[in-house]
Protein backbone atom coordinates (compact mmCIF):
# COMPACT_ATOMS: atom_id res chain seq x y z
CA UNK A 1 131.61 131.93 126.32
CA UNK A 2 133.47 130.40 123.39
CA UNK A 3 133.04 132.26 120.13
CA UNK A 4 131.24 130.07 117.61
CA UNK A 5 133.17 129.88 114.37
CA UNK A 6 133.21 126.24 113.27
CA UNK A 7 129.90 124.35 113.09
CA UNK A 8 129.18 120.68 112.47
CA UNK A 9 125.54 119.89 111.71
CA UNK A 10 124.16 116.34 111.71
CA UNK A 11 120.83 115.86 109.94
CA UNK A 12 118.51 112.87 109.92
CA UNK A 13 115.14 111.78 108.64
CA UNK A 14 113.28 114.50 110.53
CA UNK A 15 114.69 117.13 108.17
CA UNK A 16 113.19 115.49 105.09
CA UNK A 17 109.99 114.13 106.64
CA UNK A 18 108.15 117.41 106.04
CA UNK A 19 109.03 117.13 102.36
CA UNK A 20 107.01 113.92 102.28
CA UNK A 21 109.91 111.47 102.44
CA UNK A 22 108.92 108.66 104.77
CA UNK A 23 111.36 107.69 107.45
CA UNK A 24 113.13 104.43 106.74
CA UNK A 25 111.28 102.76 109.59
CA UNK A 26 107.88 104.15 108.68
CA UNK A 27 104.71 102.06 108.51
CA UNK A 28 105.80 99.94 111.44
CA UNK A 29 109.19 99.17 109.94
CA UNK A 30 107.69 96.93 107.29
CA UNK A 31 107.78 96.94 103.51
CA UNK A 32 105.76 94.34 101.60
CA UNK A 33 105.64 92.32 104.82
CA UNK A 34 109.42 92.39 105.21
CA UNK A 35 111.32 93.81 108.16
CA UNK A 36 113.41 96.79 107.12
CA UNK A 37 116.57 94.86 108.02
CA UNK A 38 115.55 92.29 105.40
CA UNK A 39 116.03 94.87 102.65
CA UNK A 40 118.95 96.78 104.14
CA UNK A 41 121.76 94.31 104.78
CA UNK A 42 124.40 92.71 102.55
CA UNK A 43 122.97 89.33 103.55
CA UNK A 44 119.50 90.38 102.36
CA UNK A 45 120.94 91.42 99.00
CA UNK A 46 122.66 88.05 98.63
CA UNK A 47 119.53 86.18 99.68
CA UNK A 48 116.92 88.07 97.62
CA UNK A 49 118.45 90.75 95.39
CA UNK A 50 115.19 91.40 93.52
CA UNK A 51 113.38 92.32 96.74
CA UNK A 52 116.17 94.70 97.75
CA UNK A 53 116.46 96.31 94.31
CA UNK A 54 112.70 96.84 94.03
CA UNK A 55 112.67 98.50 97.45
CA UNK A 56 115.43 100.94 96.50
CA UNK A 57 114.06 101.51 92.99
CA UNK A 58 110.79 102.65 94.55
CA UNK A 59 112.52 104.98 97.00
CA UNK A 60 114.84 106.38 94.32
CA UNK A 61 111.86 107.17 92.14
CA UNK A 62 109.90 108.70 95.02
CA UNK A 63 112.57 111.14 96.22
CA UNK A 64 112.83 112.66 92.75
CA UNK A 65 109.24 113.91 93.11
CA UNK A 66 109.92 115.68 96.43
CA UNK A 67 111.09 119.23 97.05
CA UNK A 68 113.34 120.79 99.70
CA UNK A 69 111.47 122.32 102.61
CA UNK A 70 112.12 125.39 104.76
CA UNK A 71 114.65 123.52 106.91
CA UNK A 72 116.74 122.53 103.87
CA UNK A 73 116.61 126.07 102.53
CA UNK A 74 117.60 127.56 105.89
CA UNK A 75 120.63 125.26 106.17
CA UNK A 76 121.60 126.11 102.59
CA UNK A 77 121.44 129.79 103.54
CA UNK A 78 123.66 129.16 106.56
CA UNK A 79 126.08 127.28 104.30
CA UNK A 80 126.24 130.26 101.92
CA UNK A 81 126.57 132.96 104.56
CA UNK A 82 128.44 131.45 107.50
CA UNK A 83 131.99 132.89 107.52
CA UNK A 84 133.65 130.08 109.44
CA UNK A 85 134.00 126.38 108.78
CA UNK A 86 130.70 124.55 108.38
CA UNK A 87 129.89 120.98 107.48
CA UNK A 88 126.48 119.36 107.07
CA UNK A 89 126.78 115.63 107.71
CA UNK A 90 123.57 113.91 106.72
CA UNK A 91 122.32 110.43 107.44
CA UNK A 92 119.74 110.96 104.70
CA UNK A 93 120.24 109.42 101.28
CA UNK A 94 118.09 111.96 99.43
CA UNK A 95 119.53 115.00 97.64
CA UNK A 96 117.33 117.69 99.19
CA UNK A 97 120.19 119.52 100.92
CA UNK A 98 121.94 119.89 97.58
CA UNK A 99 118.78 120.86 95.72
CA UNK A 100 118.22 123.60 98.29
CA UNK A 101 121.68 124.91 97.43
CA UNK A 102 123.93 123.56 100.19
CA UNK A 103 127.49 122.82 99.09
CA UNK A 104 129.30 121.68 102.23
CA UNK A 105 127.49 118.34 102.59
CA UNK A 106 128.69 114.81 103.31
CA UNK A 107 126.39 111.78 102.98
CA UNK A 108 127.60 109.32 105.60
CA UNK A 109 125.01 106.69 104.59
CA UNK A 110 125.36 107.05 100.83
CA UNK A 111 123.01 108.46 98.21
CA UNK A 112 119.92 107.09 96.47
CA UNK A 113 120.89 108.85 93.26
CA UNK A 114 124.13 106.92 92.91
CA UNK A 115 124.76 103.34 91.89
CA UNK A 116 127.85 101.49 93.10
CA UNK A 117 129.52 98.90 90.90
CA UNK A 118 130.91 96.16 93.13
CA UNK A 119 133.01 94.95 90.20
CA UNK A 120 135.05 98.10 89.44
CA UNK A 121 134.23 100.08 92.62
CA UNK A 122 133.01 103.12 90.66
CA UNK A 123 130.01 105.13 91.85
CA UNK A 124 127.90 106.62 89.07
CA UNK A 125 125.01 109.11 89.15
CA UNK A 126 121.81 107.07 88.80
CA UNK A 127 118.17 108.06 88.59
CA UNK A 128 116.55 105.00 87.01
CA UNK A 129 115.83 101.45 88.20
CA UNK A 130 118.39 98.76 88.94
CA UNK A 131 116.04 95.77 88.92
CA UNK A 132 116.86 94.89 85.29
CA UNK A 133 120.59 94.68 86.06
CA UNK A 134 121.78 97.53 83.82
CA UNK A 135 125.44 97.75 82.84
CA UNK A 136 127.89 99.83 84.84
CA UNK A 137 128.74 103.00 82.85
CA UNK A 138 132.39 102.59 83.80
CA UNK A 139 133.14 98.92 83.17
CA UNK A 140 130.05 97.40 81.54
CA UNK A 141 129.55 94.77 84.23
CA UNK A 142 126.10 94.16 85.70
CA UNK A 143 127.23 94.35 89.32
CA UNK A 144 125.45 97.58 90.28
CA UNK A 145 123.83 97.95 93.70
CA UNK A 146 122.34 100.93 95.56
CA UNK A 147 125.08 103.22 96.88
CA UNK A 148 123.56 103.11 100.34
CA UNK A 149 125.25 102.01 103.56
CA UNK A 150 123.43 98.97 104.87
CA UNK A 151 123.31 97.61 108.41
CA UNK A 152 126.69 96.06 109.19
CA UNK A 153 128.58 98.27 106.70
CA UNK A 154 130.94 101.11 107.56
CA UNK A 155 129.55 104.63 106.99
CA UNK A 156 131.30 106.87 104.50
CA UNK A 157 133.60 109.85 105.19
CA UNK A 158 134.29 108.99 108.83
CA UNK A 159 137.80 110.46 108.79
CA UNK A 160 136.50 113.79 107.46
CA UNK A 161 133.64 113.79 109.97
CA UNK A 162 135.88 113.22 112.99
CA UNK A 163 138.27 115.86 111.71
CA UNK A 164 135.39 118.35 111.57
CA UNK A 165 134.26 117.27 115.06
CA UNK A 166 137.71 118.04 116.44
CA UNK A 167 137.54 121.57 115.01
CA UNK A 168 133.91 122.34 115.84
CA UNK A 169 132.88 124.93 118.41
CA UNK A 170 129.23 123.92 117.97
CA UNK A 171 127.62 120.58 117.19
CA UNK A 172 123.97 120.65 116.12
CA UNK A 173 121.82 117.55 115.62
CA UNK A 174 118.67 118.08 113.56
CA UNK A 175 115.89 115.56 113.04
CA UNK A 176 117.74 112.48 114.24
CA UNK A 177 116.54 109.61 116.42
CA UNK A 178 119.78 109.25 118.35
CA UNK A 179 119.52 105.50 117.83
CA UNK A 180 121.91 104.73 114.97
CA UNK A 181 125.63 104.57 115.64
CA UNK A 182 128.20 105.91 115.04
CA UNK A 183 126.19 109.12 114.40
CA UNK A 184 124.38 108.79 117.74
CA UNK A 185 127.73 109.07 119.49
CA UNK A 186 128.79 112.32 117.84
CA UNK A 187 127.24 114.45 120.58
CA UNK A 188 129.43 112.80 123.21
CA UNK A 189 132.49 113.15 120.99
CA UNK A 190 131.69 116.84 120.56
CA UNK A 191 131.20 117.42 124.29
CA UNK A 192 134.43 115.61 125.13
CA UNK A 193 136.19 117.95 122.69
CA UNK A 194 134.70 121.04 124.31
CA UNK A 195 132.09 122.00 121.70
CA UNK A 196 128.68 123.42 122.56
CA UNK A 197 125.84 121.04 121.64
CA UNK A 198 122.29 121.69 120.47
CA UNK A 199 119.46 119.35 119.49
CA UNK A 200 116.66 120.49 117.16
CA UNK A 201 114.15 117.68 116.89
CA UNK A 202 110.43 117.03 116.73
CA UNK A 203 110.64 115.33 120.11
CA UNK A 204 113.45 114.33 122.48
CA UNK A 205 115.78 111.84 120.82
CA UNK A 206 117.27 108.82 122.53
CA UNK A 207 120.37 110.89 123.17
CA UNK A 208 118.62 114.13 124.09
CA UNK A 209 120.06 114.23 127.63
CA UNK A 210 123.59 114.48 126.22
CA UNK A 211 122.89 117.88 124.66
CA UNK A 212 123.45 121.12 126.55
CA UNK A 213 120.34 122.54 124.93
CA UNK A 214 117.39 120.93 123.14
CA UNK A 215 114.57 122.61 121.24
CA UNK A 216 111.64 120.51 120.12
CA UNK A 217 109.17 121.08 117.31
CA UNK A 218 108.89 120.80 113.51
CA UNK A 219 112.17 121.20 111.63
CA UNK A 220 110.57 123.70 109.24
CA UNK A 221 109.99 126.01 112.20
CA UNK A 222 113.00 125.35 114.42
CA UNK A 223 115.74 125.35 111.80
CA UNK A 224 114.92 128.66 110.06
CA UNK A 225 114.60 130.37 113.46
CA UNK A 226 117.94 129.00 114.65
CA UNK A 227 119.69 129.95 111.41
CA UNK A 228 118.29 133.47 111.67
CA UNK A 229 119.72 133.88 115.16
CA UNK A 230 123.10 132.45 114.14
CA UNK A 231 123.45 134.83 111.23
CA UNK A 232 122.35 137.72 113.42
CA UNK A 233 125.27 136.99 115.72
CA UNK A 234 123.37 135.18 118.48
CA UNK A 235 123.24 131.48 119.40
C-alpha cells in the first residue's frame, strides 16, 4: 500500500451547510423568483446588475454571522499537524476554513469577502454592500463586482490545483455534489495519477462510483473521525 504523505482535499457546500450556510441551489434553486443562473452569470450582471448585487450583498452579510463547524475545525487541525504536503481546495466562497484556522486553502470559485475591480483588476477585502457602487480602494473607479466565479467563467488557481493533484497520494472529496466541473473531474484525474480516493458526503454524489471508498453521513461526524484516524497513522 502506498504511504500517504501528500493530500489534496476538495470541499463543497456540504462542509458549510451545518454552519447554516444554504447551498447555492437551495430553496428549489430560486431567489426572488429568479433561477440561480440568472444571478450567477456575466450575462445576468450585464442585464440586471442590481439584482445580482443584491443577491451577493445578502449572502456576504449572511456568512459573516456564521461560525465554523466541527468539520472546518477538524480540517484546520489536519492542516496544522499533517507533516506532508496538504492543500484544501474549496468550491465554497465563505471564509469558514480560514476562520477555523486552516492556512493551506485555495478558493477555486472566489470569495464573498472580496470585491473585484474590473477596471484595474485589483481584488480588495470587502465586507459591506456593493449595491451603491462604492469606489474601488485601489483606483477609485466604481467597477466593483463580487469576486465570485460565475457560470461560464474559468475557476481560479487551476495550475496550482493540478500541480497538487499530480503530487497527491490521496484525494478526498468532502461535501460536494459531483456535478460542477472541472472540480467534479478531479477524482478521475487523481485515479489516473495513481492516488487513493475517498468521498465523505451526506449521500452518494453524482461521481460517487469513481471513488475507491465512500463514507456517507454528516460532515461534522465524518470529517473529525477521518482526521483522527489520519493523524493516528491510519487511513
